[in-house]
C-alpha atoms as a PDB file:
ATOM      1  CA  MET A   1      17.868  -4.770   2.523  1.00  0.00           C
ATOM      2  CA  ASN A   2      16.018  -7.863   3.605  1.00  0.00           C
ATOM      3  CA  ILE A   3      12.393  -7.158   2.703  1.00  0.00           C
ATOM      4  CA  GLY A   4       9.409  -9.279   3.688  1.00  0.00           C
ATOM      5  CA  ILE A   5       6.237  -9.083   1.598  1.00  0.00           C
ATOM      6  CA  ILE A   6       2.976 -10.519   2.917  1.00  0.00           C
ATOM      7  CA  GLY A   7       0.672 -10.829  -0.072  1.00  0.00           C
ATOM      8  CA  ALA A   8       1.498 -12.094  -3.551  1.00  0.00           C
ATOM      9  CA  GLY A   9      -1.233 -10.368  -5.552  1.00  0.00           C
ATOM     10  CA  HIS A  10      -0.757  -7.607  -8.109  1.00  0.00           C
ATOM     11  CA  ILE A  11       1.026  -5.072  -5.894  1.00  0.00           C
ATOM     12  CA  GLY A  12       3.026  -7.628  -3.912  1.00  0.00           C
ATOM     13  CA  SER A  13       4.302  -9.297  -7.074  1.00  0.00           C
ATOM     14  CA  ALA A  14       5.100  -5.988  -8.762  1.00  0.00           C
ATOM     15  CA  LEU A  15       7.099  -4.848  -5.736  1.00  0.00           C
ATOM     16  CA  ALA A  16       8.919  -8.175  -5.579  1.00  0.00           C
ATOM     17  CA  VAL A  17       9.987  -7.872  -9.229  1.00  0.00           C
ATOM     18  CA  ARG A  18      11.322  -4.359  -8.770  1.00  0.00           C
ATOM     19  CA  LEU A  19      12.950  -4.910  -5.389  1.00  0.00           C
ATOM     20  CA  THR A  20      14.843  -8.029  -6.444  1.00  0.00           C
ATOM     21  CA  SER A  21      16.013  -6.221  -9.583  1.00  0.00           C
ATOM     22  CA  LEU A  22      17.513  -3.557  -7.314  1.00  0.00           C
ATOM     23  CA  GLY A  23      19.452  -6.164  -5.368  1.00  0.00           C
ATOM     24  CA  HIS A  24      17.255  -6.494  -2.304  1.00  0.00           C
ATOM     25  CA  SER A  25      16.627  -9.896  -0.769  1.00  0.00           C
ATOM     26  CA  VAL A  26      12.862 -10.488  -0.873  1.00  0.00           C
ATOM     27  CA  LEU A  27      10.846 -13.083   1.020  1.00  0.00           C
ATOM     28  CA  ILE A  28       7.201 -13.365  -0.044  1.00  0.00           C
ATOM     29  CA  ALA A  29       4.239 -15.048   1.656  1.00  0.00           C
ATOM     30  CA  ASN A  30       0.557 -15.618   0.972  1.00  0.00           C
ATOM     31  CA  SER A  31      -2.358 -17.177   2.832  1.00  0.00           C
ATOM     32  CA  ARG A  32      -2.087 -20.547   1.089  1.00  0.00           C
ATOM     33  CA  GLY A  33       1.527 -21.356   1.909  1.00  0.00           C
ATOM     34  CA  PRO A  34       4.887 -21.226   0.108  1.00  0.00           C
ATOM     35  CA  ALA A  35       4.191 -24.359  -1.927  1.00  0.00           C
ATOM     36  CA  THR A  36       1.639 -22.364  -3.957  1.00  0.00           C
ATOM     37  CA  LEU A  37       4.108 -19.581  -4.869  1.00  0.00           C
ATOM     38  CA  GLY A  38       6.265 -21.361  -7.438  1.00  0.00           C
ATOM     39  CA  ASP A  39       5.090 -19.193 -10.338  1.00  0.00           C
ATOM     40  CA  VAL A  40       5.507 -16.015  -8.287  1.00  0.00           C
ATOM     41  CA  ALA A  41       9.037 -17.029  -7.303  1.00  0.00           C
ATOM     42  CA  GLN A  42       9.942 -17.742 -10.920  1.00  0.00           C
ATOM     43  CA  LYS A  43       8.562 -14.411 -12.111  1.00  0.00           C
ATOM     44  CA  THR A  44       9.889 -12.213  -9.325  1.00  0.00           C
ATOM     45  CA  GLY A  45      13.017 -13.827  -7.947  1.00  0.00           C
ATOM     46  CA  ALA A  46      11.557 -13.652  -4.431  1.00  0.00           C
ATOM     47  CA  THR A  47      11.788 -16.600  -2.041  1.00  0.00           C
ATOM     48  CA  PRO A  48       8.455 -18.164  -0.967  1.00  0.00           C
ATOM     49  CA  VAL A  49       8.043 -18.480   2.801  1.00  0.00           C
ATOM     50  CA  THR A  50       5.392 -18.386   5.508  1.00  0.00           C
ATOM     51  CA  ALA A  51       4.157 -15.035   6.837  1.00  0.00           C
ATOM     52  CA  LYS A  52       6.144 -15.407  10.059  1.00  0.00           C
ATOM     53  CA  GLU A  53       9.286 -16.255   8.110  1.00  0.00           C
ATOM     54  CA  ALA A  54       8.765 -13.205   5.894  1.00  0.00           C
ATOM     55  CA  VAL A  55       8.952 -10.779   8.811  1.00  0.00           C
ATOM     56  CA  ARG A  56      11.746 -12.515  10.729  1.00  0.00           C
ATOM     57  CA  GLY A  57      14.996 -10.612  10.221  1.00  0.00           C
ATOM     58  CA  ALA A  58      13.402  -8.130   7.802  1.00  0.00           C
ATOM     59  CA  ASP A  59      14.670  -4.573   7.503  1.00  0.00           C
ATOM     60  CA  LEU A  60      11.303  -3.544   6.043  1.00  0.00           C
ATOM     61  CA  ILE A  61       7.931  -5.290   5.791  1.00  0.00           C
ATOM     62  CA  VAL A  62       5.133  -4.821   3.253  1.00  0.00           C
ATOM     63  CA  VAL A  63       1.578  -5.928   4.062  1.00  0.00           C
ATOM     64  CA  THR A  64      -0.364  -6.044   0.801  1.00  0.00           C
ATOM     65  CA  ILE A  65      -3.393  -8.278   1.239  1.00  0.00           C
ATOM     66  CA  PRO A  66      -7.124  -7.626   0.834  1.00  0.00           C
ATOM     67  CA  LEU A  67      -8.345  -5.312   3.571  1.00  0.00           C
ATOM     68  CA  LYS A  68     -10.931  -7.814   4.799  1.00  0.00           C
ATOM     69  CA  ASN A  69      -8.163 -10.357   5.489  1.00  0.00           C
ATOM     70  CA  ILE A  70      -6.098  -8.102   7.759  1.00  0.00           C
ATOM     71  CA  PRO A  71      -7.836  -9.350  10.966  1.00  0.00           C
ATOM     72  CA  ASP A  72      -7.000 -12.946   9.966  1.00  0.00           C
ATOM     73  CA  LEU A  73      -3.231 -12.447  10.152  1.00  0.00           C
ATOM     74  CA  PRO A  74      -1.550 -14.212  13.099  1.00  0.00           C
ATOM     75  CA  LYS A  75      -1.876 -12.131  16.256  1.00  0.00           C
ATOM     76  CA  ASP A  76       1.785 -12.777  17.073  1.00  0.00           C
ATOM     77  CA  LEU A  77       3.000 -12.041  13.544  1.00  0.00           C
ATOM     78  CA  PHE A  78       5.364  -9.269  14.637  1.00  0.00           C
ATOM     79  CA  GLU A  79       6.575 -10.929  17.809  1.00  0.00           C
ATOM     80  CA  GLY A  80      10.332 -10.388  18.026  1.00  0.00           C
ATOM     81  CA  VAL A  81      10.368  -7.876  15.157  1.00  0.00           C
ATOM     82  CA  PRO A  82      12.185  -4.715  16.343  1.00  0.00           C
ATOM     83  CA  ALA A  83       9.960  -1.656  16.728  1.00  0.00           C
ATOM     84  CA  GLU A  84      12.077   0.374  14.305  1.00  0.00           C
ATOM     85  CA  VAL A  85      11.341  -1.942  11.346  1.00  0.00           C
ATOM     86  CA  PRO A  86       8.900  -0.059   9.072  1.00  0.00           C
ATOM     87  CA  VAL A  87       5.653  -1.787   8.104  1.00  0.00           C
ATOM     88  CA  ILE A  88       4.127  -0.605   4.827  1.00  0.00           C
ATOM     89  CA  ASP A  89       0.372  -0.865   4.292  1.00  0.00           C
ATOM     90  CA  THR A  90      -0.837  -0.786   0.674  1.00  0.00           C
ATOM     91  CA  SER A  91      -4.488  -1.631   1.324  1.00  0.00           C
ATOM     92  CA  ASN A  92      -7.611  -0.121  -0.211  1.00  0.00           C
ATOM     93  CA  TYR A  93     -11.237  -0.519   0.816  1.00  0.00           C
ATOM     94  CA  TYR A  94     -13.464  -2.132  -1.842  1.00  0.00           C
ATOM     95  CA  PRO A  95     -16.820  -2.808  -0.128  1.00  0.00           C
ATOM     96  CA  MET A  96     -18.705  -3.861  -3.259  1.00  0.00           C
ATOM     97  CA  LEU A  97     -16.117  -5.957  -5.083  1.00  0.00           C
ATOM     98  CA  ARG A  98     -14.272  -7.611  -2.223  1.00  0.00           C
ATOM     99  CA  ASP A  99     -14.299  -6.432   1.390  1.00  0.00           C
ATOM    100  CA  GLY A 100     -17.927  -6.071   2.423  1.00  0.00           C
ATOM    101  CA  HIS A 101     -18.897  -3.143   4.631  1.00  0.00           C
ATOM    102  CA  ILE A 102     -16.619  -2.038   7.461  1.00  0.00           C
ATOM    103  CA  VAL A 103     -18.496   0.349   9.745  1.00  0.00           C
ATOM    104  CA  GLU A 104     -15.529   2.470  10.849  1.00  0.00           C
ATOM    105  CA  LEU A 105     -14.601   3.169   7.241  1.00  0.00           C
ATOM    106  CA  GLU A 106     -18.151   3.961   6.207  1.00  0.00           C
ATOM    107  CA  THR A 107     -18.598   6.524   8.982  1.00  0.00           C
ATOM    108  CA  GLY A 108     -15.190   8.103   8.473  1.00  0.00           C
ATOM    109  CA  ASP A 109     -14.108   7.437  12.062  1.00  0.00           C
ATOM    110  CA  LEU A 110     -10.873   5.886  10.775  1.00  0.00           C
ATOM    111  CA  THR A 111      -8.804   6.029   7.620  1.00  0.00           C
ATOM    112  CA  GLU A 112      -8.119   2.681   5.989  1.00  0.00           C
ATOM    113  CA  SER A 113      -4.565   2.563   7.315  1.00  0.00           C
ATOM    114  CA  GLU A 114      -5.583   3.614  10.833  1.00  0.00           C
ATOM    115  CA  TRP A 115      -7.927   0.612  10.792  1.00  0.00           C
ATOM    116  CA  VAL A 116      -5.110  -1.635   9.555  1.00  0.00           C
ATOM    117  CA  GLN A 117      -2.744  -0.248  12.188  1.00  0.00           C
ATOM    118  CA  GLN A 118      -5.230  -1.049  14.961  1.00  0.00           C
ATOM    119  CA  HIS A 119      -5.510  -4.655  13.815  1.00  0.00           C
ATOM    120  CA  LEU A 120      -1.778  -5.173  13.288  1.00  0.00           C
ATOM    121  CA  GLY A 121      -0.837  -3.545  16.581  1.00  0.00           C
ATOM    122  CA  ARG A 122       2.089  -1.874  14.828  1.00  0.00           C
ATOM    123  CA  PRO A 123       2.593   1.598  13.331  1.00  0.00           C
ATOM    124  CA  VAL A 124       2.235   1.490   9.546  1.00  0.00           C
ATOM    125  CA  VAL A 125       3.281   3.699   6.656  1.00  0.00           C
ATOM    126  CA  LYS A 126       0.732   4.091   3.842  1.00  0.00           C
ATOM    127  CA  VAL A 127       2.090   3.960   0.266  1.00  0.00           C
ATOM    128  CA  PHE A 128       1.761   2.061  -3.052  1.00  0.00           C
ATOM    129  CA  ASN A 129      -2.035   1.992  -2.719  1.00  0.00           C
ATOM    130  CA  ASN A 130      -2.851   4.637  -5.339  1.00  0.00           C
ATOM    131  CA  ILE A 131      -0.799   3.361  -8.283  1.00  0.00           C
ATOM    132  CA  TYR A 132      -1.701   0.564 -10.702  1.00  0.00           C
ATOM    133  CA  SER A 133       0.509  -2.480 -10.225  1.00  0.00           C
ATOM    134  CA  VAL A 134       1.687  -2.493 -13.841  1.00  0.00           C
ATOM    135  CA  HIS A 135       2.739   1.142 -13.475  1.00  0.00           C
ATOM    136  CA  LEU A 136       4.540   0.329 -10.226  1.00  0.00           C
ATOM    137  CA  GLU A 137       6.443  -2.406 -12.005  1.00  0.00           C
ATOM    138  CA  GLN A 138       7.181  -0.607 -15.269  1.00  0.00           C
ATOM    139  CA  LYS A 139       7.043   3.187 -14.894  1.00  0.00           C
ATOM    140  CA  GLY A 140       9.753   4.003 -12.392  1.00  0.00           C
ATOM    141  CA  GLN A 141      12.219   6.580 -13.763  1.00  0.00           C
ATOM    142  CA  PRO A 142      15.485   8.197 -12.625  1.00  0.00           C
ATOM    143  CA  ALA A 143      15.198  11.260 -10.406  1.00  0.00           C
ATOM    144  CA  GLY A 144      14.627  14.428 -12.402  1.00  0.00           C
ATOM    145  CA  SER A 145      13.019  12.647 -15.378  1.00  0.00           C
ATOM    146  CA  PRO A 146      10.180  14.626 -17.013  1.00  0.00           C
ATOM    147  CA  GLY A 147       6.815  13.204 -16.025  1.00  0.00           C
ATOM    148  CA  ARG A 148       8.192  11.122 -13.152  1.00  0.00           C
ATOM    149  CA  ILE A 149       5.259   9.774 -11.128  1.00  0.00           C
ATOM    150  CA  ALA A 150       4.936  10.908  -7.500  1.00  0.00           C
ATOM    151  CA  LEU A 151       3.579   8.689  -4.742  1.00  0.00           C
ATOM    152  CA  PRO A 152       2.056   9.974  -1.480  1.00  0.00           C
ATOM    153  CA  VAL A 153       3.508   8.549   1.727  1.00  0.00           C
ATOM    154  CA  ALA A 154       1.649   8.922   5.038  1.00  0.00           C
ATOM    155  CA  GLY A 155       2.620   7.859   8.541  1.00  0.00           C
ATOM    156  CA  ASP A 156       3.123   8.913  12.130  1.00  0.00           C
ATOM    157  CA  GLU A 157       6.653   7.614  12.739  1.00  0.00           C
ATOM    158  CA  ALA A 158       9.166  10.042  11.198  1.00  0.00           C
ATOM    159  CA  ALA A 159      12.096   7.619  10.943  1.00  0.00           C
ATOM    160  CA  ALA A 160       9.983   4.867   9.401  1.00  0.00           C
ATOM    161  CA  LYS A 161       8.441   7.299   6.927  1.00  0.00           C
ATOM    162  CA  GLN A 162      11.863   8.574   5.837  1.00  0.00           C
ATOM    163  CA  LYS A 163      13.102   5.018   5.243  1.00  0.00           C
ATOM    164  CA  VAL A 164      10.014   4.231   3.173  1.00  0.00           C
ATOM    165  CA  MET A 165      10.298   7.463   1.188  1.00  0.00           C
ATOM    166  CA  ALA A 166      13.915   6.589   0.353  1.00  0.00           C
ATOM    167  CA  LEU A 167      12.724   3.224  -0.977  1.00  0.00           C
ATOM    168  CA  VAL A 168      10.039   4.928  -3.088  1.00  0.00           C
ATOM    169  CA  GLU A 169      12.740   7.125  -4.643  1.00  0.00           C
ATOM    170  CA  GLU A 170      14.943   4.084  -5.272  1.00  0.00           C
ATOM    171  CA  LEU A 171      12.050   2.417  -7.105  1.00  0.00           C
ATOM    172  CA  GLY A 172      11.913   5.392  -9.478  1.00  0.00           C
ATOM    173  CA  PHE A 173       9.142   7.566  -8.077  1.00  0.00           C
ATOM    174  CA  ASP A 174       9.056  10.938  -6.324  1.00  0.00           C
ATOM    175  CA  ALA A 175       8.092  10.446  -2.682  1.00  0.00           C
ATOM    176  CA  VAL A 176       5.667  13.118  -1.446  1.00  0.00           C
ATOM    177  CA  ASP A 177       4.911  13.468   2.253  1.00  0.00           C
ATOM    178  CA  ASP A 178       1.151  13.081   2.770  1.00  0.00           C
ATOM    179  CA  GLY A 179       1.334  13.893   6.469  1.00  0.00           C
ATOM    180  CA  SER A 180       0.072  11.720   9.299  1.00  0.00           C
ATOM    181  CA  LEU A 181      -1.845   8.478   8.974  1.00  0.00           C
ATOM    182  CA  ARG A 182      -4.933  10.475   9.898  1.00  0.00           C
ATOM    183  CA  GLU A 183      -4.383  12.479   6.700  1.00  0.00           C
ATOM    184  CA  SER A 184      -3.948   9.417   4.481  1.00  0.00           C
ATOM    185  CA  TRP A 185      -7.589   9.688   3.379  1.00  0.00           C
ATOM    186  CA  ARG A 186      -6.228  12.039   0.694  1.00  0.00           C
ATOM    187  CA  GLN A 187      -4.745   9.064  -1.196  1.00  0.00           C
ATOM    188  CA  GLN A 188      -7.616   6.623  -0.717  1.00  0.00           C
ATOM    189  CA  PRO A 189      -9.981   5.391  -3.468  1.00  0.00           C
ATOM    190  CA  GLY A 190     -12.371   8.026  -4.769  1.00  0.00           C
ATOM    191  CA  THR A 191      -9.942  10.911  -4.262  1.00  0.00           C
ATOM    192  CA  PRO A 192      -8.308  12.795  -7.153  1.00  0.00           C
ATOM    193  CA  ALA A 193      -4.872  11.252  -6.480  1.00  0.00           C
ATOM    194  CA  TYR A 194      -6.110   7.660  -6.683  1.00  0.00           C
ATOM    195  CA  GLY A 195      -4.707   6.060  -9.849  1.00  0.00           C
ATOM    196  CA  ALA A 196      -3.892   9.463 -11.316  1.00  0.00           C
ATOM    197  CA  ASP A 197      -0.071   9.200 -11.686  1.00  0.00           C
ATOM    198  CA  PHE A 198       0.372  12.849 -10.722  1.00  0.00           C
ATOM    199  CA  SER A 199       3.755  14.560 -10.878  1.00  0.00           C
ATOM    200  CA  ALA A 200       5.172  15.799  -7.560  1.00  0.00           C
ATOM    201  CA  ASP A 201       4.022  19.387  -8.118  1.00  0.00           C
ATOM    202  CA  LYS A 202       0.510  18.352  -9.065  1.00  0.00           C
ATOM    203  CA  LEU A 203       0.248  15.899  -6.189  1.00  0.00           C
ATOM    204  CA  LEU A 204       1.412  18.507  -3.679  1.00  0.00           C
ATOM    205  CA  ASP A 205      -1.116  21.003  -5.035  1.00  0.00           C
ATOM    206  CA  ASN A 206      -3.891  18.423  -4.804  1.00  0.00           C
ATOM    207  CA  LEU A 207      -3.079  17.443  -1.215  1.00  0.00           C
ATOM    208  CA  ALA A 208      -2.951  21.091  -0.173  1.00  0.00           C
ATOM    209  CA  SER A 209      -6.285  21.822  -1.859  1.00  0.00           C
ATOM    210  CA  LEU A 210      -8.032  19.092   0.151  1.00  0.00           C
ATOM    211  CA  GLY A 211      -6.873  20.355   3.543  1.00  0.00           C
ATOM    212  CA  SER A 212      -5.683  18.145   6.369  1.00  0.00           C
ATOM    213  CA  THR A 213      -8.992  17.369   8.124  1.00  0.00           C
ATOM    214  CA  ARG A 214     -11.546  15.438   6.107  1.00  0.00           C
ATOM    215  CA  THR A 215     -14.972  17.077   6.173  1.00  0.00           C
ATOM    216  CA  PRO A 216     -18.202  15.043   6.178  1.00  0.00           C
ATOM    217  CA  GLU A 217     -18.903  16.422   2.701  1.00  0.00           C
ATOM    218  CA  GLN A 218     -15.529  15.221   1.405  1.00  0.00           C
ATOM    219  CA  HIS A 219     -16.014  11.794   2.951  1.00  0.00           C
ATOM    220  CA  ALA A 220     -19.449  11.418   1.351  1.00  0.00           C
ATOM    221  CA  GLN A 221     -18.197  12.620  -2.032  1.00  0.00           C
ATOM    222  CA  PHE A 222     -15.189  10.305  -2.137  1.00  0.00           C
ATOM    223  CA  LEU A 223     -17.276   7.316  -1.039  1.00  0.00           C
ATOM    224  CA  ALA A 224     -19.699   8.103  -3.858  1.00  0.00           C
ATOM    225  CA  ASN A 225     -16.850   8.493  -6.344  1.00  0.00           C
ATOM    226  CA  HIS A 226     -15.420   5.141  -5.338  1.00  0.00           C
ATOM    227  CA  ALA A 227     -18.803   3.412  -5.472  1.00  0.00           C
ATOM    228  CA  GLU A 228     -19.114   4.576  -9.084  1.00  0.00           C
ATOM    229  CA  GLN A 229     -15.603   3.293  -9.813  1.00  0.00           C
ATOM    230  CA  GLU A 230     -16.498  -0.086  -8.334  1.00  0.00           C
ATOM    231  CA  LYS A 231     -19.643  -0.294 -10.452  1.00  0.00           C
ATOM    232  CA  GLN A 232     -17.605   0.387 -13.582  1.00  0.00           C
ATOM    233  CA  MET A 233     -15.038  -2.226 -12.616  1.00  0.00           C
ATOM    234  CA  GLN A 234     -17.798  -4.737 -11.929  1.00  0.00           C
ATOM    235  CA  ALA A 235     -19.352  -4.050 -15.334  1.00  0.00           C
ATOM    236  CA  GLN A 236     -15.965  -4.619 -16.948  1.00  0.00           C
ATOM    237  CA  GLY A 237     -15.512  -7.924 -15.137  1.00  0.00           C
ATOM    238  CA  ILE A 238     -12.432  -6.720 -13.247  1.00  0.00           C
ATOM    239  CA  ARG A 239     -11.517  -8.932 -10.296  1.00  0.00           C
ATOM    240  CA  LEU A 240      -9.356  -7.839  -7.396  1.00  0.00           C
ATOM    241  CA  LYS A 241      -6.510  -9.742  -5.774  1.00  0.00           C
END
């Protein structure tokens, strides 16, 4: 496939490495322009381009930039891109370390990816947000391998979700259907599945145990869990890209 990646941080670079190794043609963009992506191109084999060039002619698009920067993307970014081209959202909300406070996400009115979808004006599929980038790059295994990591995939467009789930499997992970975008809170920071590298059975059990509709108590608990995670990361000097 022709795959466009917007964002050259940890997840974007890890995906570029794996996708080019599988024979896909990868175009990658960042906010500073293709001239700044020489090292990324050398490491990943992806071709540096502008954001608009990354989506033009793509069979699949990945948006993997800091959540706070989503509104800054060009408003006409997807102009001319066919509606059936899946758009993957990998974003996570880090209010303390990076993004500041976003009211809709604090109140629970929207999931992270619903918020992203509103700003992009395109349906998105949520995946690759709950796995560490080094694990994404290095821990894919053939189907049926013991301990194969499962990744939750959420979205509202059935055809787009199926195409994304097939790509997840090709990358060496079990794709688990996490329901609609409204249900994607179950894979957000602070939840048990975040960074856990669950197997498919364990991930399915966890998603079922949470239910489909997030309660106010769950929202408060997972926000608190994530706030504690952010404090620990801050104490360790971890910086996000």
